[in-house]
Protein backbone atom coordinates (compact mmCIF):
# COMPACT_ATOMS: atom_id res chain seq x y z
CA MET A 1 86.02 -4.30 -23.70
CA ILE A 2 83.22 -3.25 -21.34
CA ASN A 3 83.88 -3.96 -17.69
CA HIS A 4 81.30 -5.56 -15.41
CA SER A 5 80.31 -2.27 -13.69
CA LEU A 6 79.50 -0.54 -17.01
CA ALA A 7 77.47 -3.56 -18.17
CA LEU A 8 75.38 -3.48 -15.02
CA PHE A 9 74.81 0.29 -15.42
CA LEU A 10 73.60 -0.10 -19.03
CA PHE A 11 71.33 -2.96 -18.02
CA PHE A 12 69.83 -0.77 -15.28
CA VAL A 13 69.14 2.12 -17.71
CA CYS A 14 67.62 -0.09 -20.37
CA SER A 15 65.39 -1.86 -17.87
CA THR A 16 63.97 1.21 -16.13
CA HIS A 17 61.08 1.73 -18.58
CA TYR A 18 59.79 -1.79 -18.08
CA GLY A 19 60.38 -2.50 -14.44
CA PHE A 20 60.09 0.76 -12.54
CA GLY A 21 56.91 2.37 -13.90
CA GLU A 22 54.97 4.17 -11.18
CA ILE A 23 52.05 2.02 -9.98
CA GLU A 24 48.64 3.66 -9.52
CA HIS A 25 46.05 2.06 -7.27
CA THR A 26 42.37 2.86 -7.71
CA GLY A 27 40.05 1.23 -5.22
CA PHE A 28 37.91 1.74 -2.14
CA ILE A 29 38.86 2.80 1.37
CA GLY A 30 38.56 0.12 4.02
CA GLY A 31 38.93 -3.65 3.95
CA PRO A 32 41.15 -5.68 1.61
CA PHE A 33 42.26 -3.87 -1.53
CA HIS A 34 39.99 -4.23 -4.51
CA GLY A 35 39.77 -2.20 -7.67
CA VAL A 36 42.21 -1.56 -10.54
CA VAL A 37 46.04 -1.58 -10.61
CA GLU A 38 47.91 0.16 -13.48
CA ASP A 39 51.55 0.84 -14.12
CA GLY A 40 52.67 4.44 -14.64
CA TYR A 41 52.72 4.07 -18.44
CA LYS A 42 49.14 2.66 -18.64
CA GLU A 43 50.57 -0.47 -20.26
CA VAL A 44 49.44 -2.90 -17.58
CA SER A 45 45.93 -2.85 -16.09
CA ILE A 46 44.78 -5.51 -13.65
CA GLN A 47 41.38 -5.64 -11.95
CA LEU A 48 41.37 -7.10 -8.44
CA GLY A 49 38.47 -8.25 -6.31
CA PRO A 50 34.99 -9.42 -7.33
CA THR A 51 33.23 -7.32 -9.96
CA ALA A 52 30.21 -6.95 -7.66
CA ASP A 53 32.33 -4.91 -5.24
CA LEU A 54 32.57 -2.16 -7.85
CA THR A 55 28.85 -1.37 -7.74
CA VAL A 56 27.80 1.70 -5.75
CA PRO A 57 24.93 1.71 -3.18
CA GLU A 58 22.27 4.32 -4.02
CA GLY A 59 19.76 3.92 -1.21
CA LEU A 60 18.07 1.76 1.40
CA VAL A 61 14.81 -0.14 0.90
CA ALA A 62 12.94 -1.45 3.95
CA HIS A 63 9.50 -2.83 4.78
CA ALA A 64 7.61 -5.27 6.99
CA GLU A 65 6.23 -8.44 5.40
CA GLN A 66 2.78 -7.46 6.68
CA SER A 67 1.40 -3.94 6.37
CA GLN A 68 -0.65 -4.49 9.53
CA VAL A 69 -0.14 -6.57 12.68
CA SER A 70 -2.38 -7.35 15.61
CA SER A 71 -1.57 -6.03 19.05
CA GLY A 72 0.79 -8.60 20.54
CA GLY A 73 1.65 -9.97 17.07
CA GLU A 74 4.76 -9.71 14.92
CA SER A 75 5.92 -9.27 11.32
CA ARG A 76 9.26 -10.13 9.72
CA LEU A 77 11.36 -7.09 8.72
CA ARG A 78 13.16 -6.85 5.37
CA ALA A 79 15.92 -4.44 4.29
CA SER A 80 18.27 -4.20 1.31
CA LEU A 81 20.65 -1.76 -0.36
CA SER A 82 19.70 -0.69 -3.88
CA LEU A 83 22.77 -0.62 -6.16
CA ASP A 84 23.51 1.49 -9.23
CA ASP A 85 23.36 -1.57 -11.50
CA GLY A 86 19.70 -2.16 -10.65
CA THR A 87 20.28 -5.01 -8.19
CA HIS A 88 19.81 -5.23 -4.43
CA THR A 89 22.00 -6.51 -1.61
CA VAL A 90 19.87 -8.05 1.14
CA LEU A 91 20.82 -6.98 4.66
CA ASP A 92 20.35 -8.93 7.86
CA PRO A 93 17.78 -7.03 9.99
CA SER A 94 20.32 -7.04 12.83
CA GLU A 95 22.58 -4.82 10.66
CA VAL A 96 19.85 -2.15 10.49
CA GLU A 97 18.95 0.42 13.15
CA TRP A 98 15.16 0.43 13.58
CA THR A 99 13.29 3.25 15.33
CA PHE A 100 9.55 3.74 15.83
CA SER A 101 7.12 6.62 16.41
CA THR A 102 5.67 4.75 19.41
CA PRO A 103 7.48 2.93 22.24
CA ASN A 104 5.13 -0.04 21.93
CA LEU A 105 7.12 -1.63 19.12
CA ARG A 106 10.46 -3.44 19.31
CA VAL A 107 12.66 -5.72 17.20
CA LYS A 108 13.64 -9.26 18.18
CA ASN A 109 15.40 -11.82 15.98
CA GLY A 110 14.67 -9.83 12.83
CA SER A 111 10.94 -9.39 13.52
CA LEU A 112 8.91 -6.36 14.53
CA ILE A 113 6.89 -7.13 17.67
CA ALA A 114 3.88 -5.06 18.76
CA ASP A 115 3.12 -4.90 22.47
CA PHE A 116 -0.38 -4.40 23.86
CA LEU A 117 -2.23 -1.46 22.30
CA LYS A 118 -5.80 -0.65 23.29
CA GLU A 119 -6.39 1.54 20.22
CA ARG A 120 -5.63 1.09 16.54
CA THR A 121 -2.42 2.93 15.75
CA MET A 122 -0.48 3.89 12.63
CA VAL A 123 3.25 3.63 13.40
CA ARG A 124 6.08 5.23 11.42
CA VAL A 125 9.08 2.89 11.18
CA GLN A 126 12.51 4.32 10.31
CA ALA A 127 15.41 2.17 9.12
CA THR A 128 19.06 3.28 8.97
CA ALA A 129 22.02 1.35 7.52
CA GLU A 130 25.22 2.02 5.57
CA GLY A 131 24.65 5.78 5.81
CA PHE A 132 21.15 5.63 4.28
CA THR A 133 17.77 6.19 5.95
CA THR A 134 14.26 5.29 4.82
CA SER A 135 10.87 4.93 6.49
CA PHE A 136 7.48 3.29 6.07
CA ASN A 137 4.18 2.97 7.93
CA ILE A 138 2.75 -0.10 9.62
CA PHE A 139 -0.73 -0.36 11.10
CA VAL A 140 -1.14 -2.01 14.53
CA LEU A 141 -4.65 -3.24 15.30
CA ALA A 142 -6.17 -2.95 18.76
CA ASP A 143 -6.06 -5.83 21.21
CA ASP A 144 -8.76 -8.40 20.44
CA ARG A 145 -10.19 -8.03 23.94
CA GLY A 146 -11.44 -4.55 23.03
CA ALA A 147 -12.48 -5.30 19.45
CA GLU A 148 -16.18 -5.74 20.19
CA LYS A 149 -16.47 -2.46 22.10
CA GLU A 150 -14.48 -0.65 19.46
CA ALA A 151 -16.76 -1.92 16.69
CA GLU A 152 -19.67 -0.05 18.26
CA GLY A 153 -18.08 3.23 17.20
CA SER A 154 -15.96 2.02 14.30
CA LEU A 155 -16.30 5.04 12.00
CA PRO A 156 -13.33 7.46 11.99
CA GLN A 157 -14.17 10.85 13.47
CA VAL A 158 -14.03 12.55 10.06
CA LEU A 159 -16.91 10.36 8.76
CA ARG A 160 -19.21 10.59 11.78
CA THR A 161 -20.89 13.70 10.39
CA ALA A 162 -22.23 11.67 7.43
CA ILE A 163 -26.03 11.85 7.19
CA GLU A 164 -28.27 8.77 7.39
CA LEU A 165 -29.99 7.84 4.13
CA GLU A 166 -33.34 6.14 3.75
CA ALA A 167 -31.89 2.66 3.24
CA LYS A 168 -30.71 1.22 6.54
CA GLY A 169 -26.93 1.40 7.03
CA TRP A 170 -26.35 3.73 4.08
CA LYS A 171 -24.82 7.16 4.73
CA GLU A 172 -23.54 10.11 2.74
CA SER A 173 -20.46 12.16 3.57
CA GLU A 174 -20.24 15.68 2.20
CA TRP A 175 -16.65 15.03 1.08
CA PHE A 176 -16.35 11.24 0.71
CA GLY A 177 -19.67 10.38 -0.91
CA VAL A 178 -22.15 7.53 -0.37
CA PHE A 179 -21.20 4.41 1.60
CA TYR A 180 -22.70 1.50 3.56
CA ASP A 181 -21.51 1.19 7.16
CA ALA A 182 -21.24 -2.46 8.22
CA GLU A 183 -20.49 -1.22 11.77
CA ASN A 184 -17.46 -3.48 12.12
CA GLY A 185 -14.75 -1.27 10.62
CA TRP A 186 -15.75 -2.08 7.02
CA LEU A 187 -17.55 0.18 4.55
CA TYR A 188 -18.92 -0.47 1.10
CA HIS A 189 -18.18 2.72 -0.84
CA ALA A 190 -20.17 3.55 -3.96
CA ASP A 191 -16.94 4.29 -5.90
CA HIS A 192 -14.25 2.24 -4.16
CA GLY A 193 -16.06 -0.94 -3.11
CA TRP A 194 -15.27 -2.67 0.19
CA ILE A 195 -12.73 -0.76 2.32
CA HIS A 196 -11.54 -1.07 5.90
CA VAL A 197 -11.33 2.24 7.79
CA ALA A 198 -9.22 3.57 10.65
CA GLU A 199 -8.43 6.89 12.29
CA GLY A 200 -5.86 8.98 10.43
CA GLY A 201 -5.56 12.14 12.47
CA GLN A 202 -7.62 15.32 12.53
CA ASP A 203 -10.06 15.49 9.58
CA ALA A 204 -8.44 12.44 7.94
CA ALA A 205 -8.65 8.64 7.85
CA TRP A 206 -6.87 5.53 6.62
CA PHE A 207 -8.60 3.19 4.16
CA TRP A 208 -7.54 -0.33 3.16
CA SER A 209 -8.58 -2.11 -0.03
CA ASP A 210 -7.33 -5.14 -1.98
CA THR A 211 -6.13 -2.91 -4.83
CA ASN A 212 -4.31 0.00 -3.20
CA GLN A 213 -3.88 -1.48 0.30
CA TRP A 214 -3.49 1.37 2.84
CA VAL A 215 -4.22 4.88 1.61
CA TRP A 216 -4.66 8.09 3.59
CA THR A 217 -6.95 10.99 2.74
CA GLY A 218 -9.21 13.50 4.40
CA LYS A 219 -11.87 16.16 4.29
CA ASN A 220 -9.71 18.81 2.61
CA ILE A 221 -7.56 16.32 0.66
CA TYR A 222 -9.86 13.89 -1.19
CA PRO A 223 -9.84 12.94 -4.12
CA HIS A 224 -6.09 13.09 -3.53
CA LEU A 225 -4.86 10.02 -1.65
CA TYR A 226 -1.49 9.03 -0.17
CA ARG A 227 -0.64 5.35 -0.79
CA ASN A 228 1.53 3.87 1.93
CA ARG A 229 3.06 0.87 0.11
CA ASP A 230 5.06 2.99 -2.37
CA ALA A 231 4.85 6.44 -0.71
CA ALA A 232 2.99 7.81 -3.73
CA TRP A 233 0.33 10.50 -4.00
CA LEU A 234 -2.62 9.53 -6.21
CA TYR A 235 -5.48 11.49 -7.73
CA PHE A 236 -8.78 9.61 -8.15
CA PHE A 237 -10.66 10.42 -11.37
CA LYS A 238 -14.32 10.15 -10.36
CA GLN A 239 -15.22 11.28 -13.90
CA ALA A 240 -13.80 7.99 -15.27
CA LEU A 241 -16.25 5.72 -13.36
CA PRO A 242 -17.07 2.88 -13.62
CA ALA A 243 -13.36 2.53 -14.46
CA LYS A 244 -11.13 3.03 -11.41
CA LEU A 245 -8.52 5.44 -12.71
CA PHE A 246 -5.77 7.12 -10.66
CA TYR A 247 -2.98 9.51 -11.59
CA ASN A 248 0.27 8.61 -9.83
CA HIS A 249 2.21 11.81 -9.08
CA LYS A 250 5.35 9.79 -8.30
CA THR A 251 5.57 7.95 -11.63
CA GLN A 252 3.59 10.61 -13.53
CA GLU A 253 1.49 7.83 -15.07
CA LEU A 254 -2.15 6.76 -15.02
CA GLU A 255 -3.09 3.60 -13.11
CA ARG A 256 -6.22 1.66 -14.01
CA LEU A 257 -7.17 -0.80 -11.29
CA ALA A 258 -9.34 -3.87 -11.42
CA GLY A 259 -12.97 -3.82 -10.35
CA LYS A 260 -14.33 -3.31 -6.85
């Protein structure tokens, strides 16, 4: 006859395999536990927490709703984390640290606000959040009170050496080709159609069009162009005209854009 103590001992031994397996926790540091729980014999596996929490952030995406703002104007800021499953998690602009290449810009209630600027300025905006950093450019136009005076000399410095052609308003640049100067910041280029121009630094300029939006190029750079909206370098195939054909170095693909 087995006494009560021996019975309890046998029950303890027989039960050890099922009740005292070592538990392994696999999850993420910080906040409530989420992840996977398994017993030491890999017989029980339980997933805790929402599935979305298991995706991994890969980078930060940020931009302003408008690629250009007027002096004294504002543009809503947008930021999101790109995840390894191809989705994005939208961030509140207040959760992002925004810095600028000029002190004339600031952030208020999720919007970028441009203070008074007497000259057109290209501003580099840097966004930092969740350990990631990205940047983009935004163009701040001059204050309207100086727009008329500025229009008198609206050509960027790098294009002012263009020679006058016989037809009034038409000029030819040794590096940029033939264009019509409307004397209000707009040019009609023989290859690119209507474009808005702005200073872009020594021997360079910014150009805006409906197709590529803001691109940057210069005397020793063209026909290579830097496109601001996707931070891509392009090569313009003049040989393909009248088709507007570009090679995108970032995607390594050809882009054929609509007409002028």
